[in-house]
Protein backbone atom coordinates (compact mmCIF):
# COMPACT_ATOMS: atom_id res chain seq x y z
CA MET A 1 5.99 -5.67 -1.05
CA LYS A 2 7.56 -3.58 -3.81
CA ASN A 3 5.06 -4.92 -6.36
CA LEU A 4 2.16 -3.99 -4.08
CA LEU A 5 3.52 -0.46 -3.74
CA LYS A 6 3.84 -0.20 -7.51
CA ILE A 7 0.25 -1.32 -8.03
CA LEU A 8 -1.08 1.07 -5.40
CA SER A 9 0.92 3.98 -6.79
CA TYR A 10 -0.29 3.35 -10.32
CA ILE A 11 -3.89 3.21 -9.08
CA ALA A 12 -3.31 6.51 -7.29
CA LEU A 13 -1.81 7.97 -10.45
CA ALA A 14 -4.87 6.86 -12.39
CA LEU A 15 -7.00 8.69 -9.81
CA THR A 16 -5.24 11.88 -10.80
CA ILE A 17 -5.73 11.41 -14.55
CA ILE A 18 -9.02 9.61 -15.19
CA PRO A 19 -11.30 12.02 -13.25
CA ALA A 20 -10.21 14.88 -15.52
CA PHE A 21 -11.69 13.08 -18.50
CA LEU A 22 -14.83 12.16 -16.56
CA VAL A 23 -15.52 15.75 -15.51
CA PHE A 24 -14.83 16.91 -19.07
CA LYS A 25 -17.48 14.49 -20.34
CA GLY A 26 -19.86 15.65 -17.59
CA LEU A 27 -20.06 12.26 -15.88
CA ILE A 28 -18.93 13.44 -12.42
CA SER A 29 -19.35 16.69 -10.53
CA ASP A 30 -16.61 19.15 -9.77
CA GLN A 31 -16.61 18.26 -6.06
CA VAL A 32 -16.16 14.54 -6.78
CA TYR A 33 -13.38 15.43 -9.22
CA LYS A 34 -11.54 17.43 -6.57
CA SER A 35 -11.90 14.65 -4.01
CA LEU A 36 -10.56 12.00 -6.40
CA ILE A 37 -7.64 14.20 -7.43
CA LEU A 38 -6.75 14.83 -3.79
CA ALA A 39 -6.97 11.12 -2.92
CA GLY A 40 -4.85 10.19 -5.93
CA THR A 41 -2.22 12.80 -5.17
CA ILE A 42 -1.90 11.77 -1.54
CA GLY A 43 -1.81 8.09 -2.50
CA TRP A 44 0.89 8.71 -5.10
CA LEU A 45 3.05 10.77 -2.75
CA ILE A 46 2.81 8.13 -0.03
CA THR A 47 3.49 5.03 -2.14
CA ALA A 48 5.71 6.05 -5.06
CA PRO A 49 8.88 7.19 -3.26
CA PHE A 50 9.36 3.80 -1.63
CA TRP A 51 9.78 1.91 -4.88
CA ILE A 52 11.15 4.66 -7.12
CA PHE A 53 14.10 5.53 -4.91
CA LYS A 54 14.91 1.89 -4.14
CA GLU A 55 15.55 1.18 -7.83
CA LYS A 56 17.88 4.16 -8.17
CA GLU A 57 19.95 3.04 -5.18
CA ASN A 58 20.49 -0.42 -6.71
CA ALA A 59 21.58 0.94 -10.09
């Protein structure tokens, strides 16, 4: 379960970084960029705390 959360959170993090380069190159529109950034941010905030804070508790 923890590995699945890590994978999903890294995908969400990629959705916050990669669209910036795509809009810079002119490959996607500004509206698509904003939608991908929003989806990535929400995905990261939902998935990341569950595996990040678990590791700190065990240390």
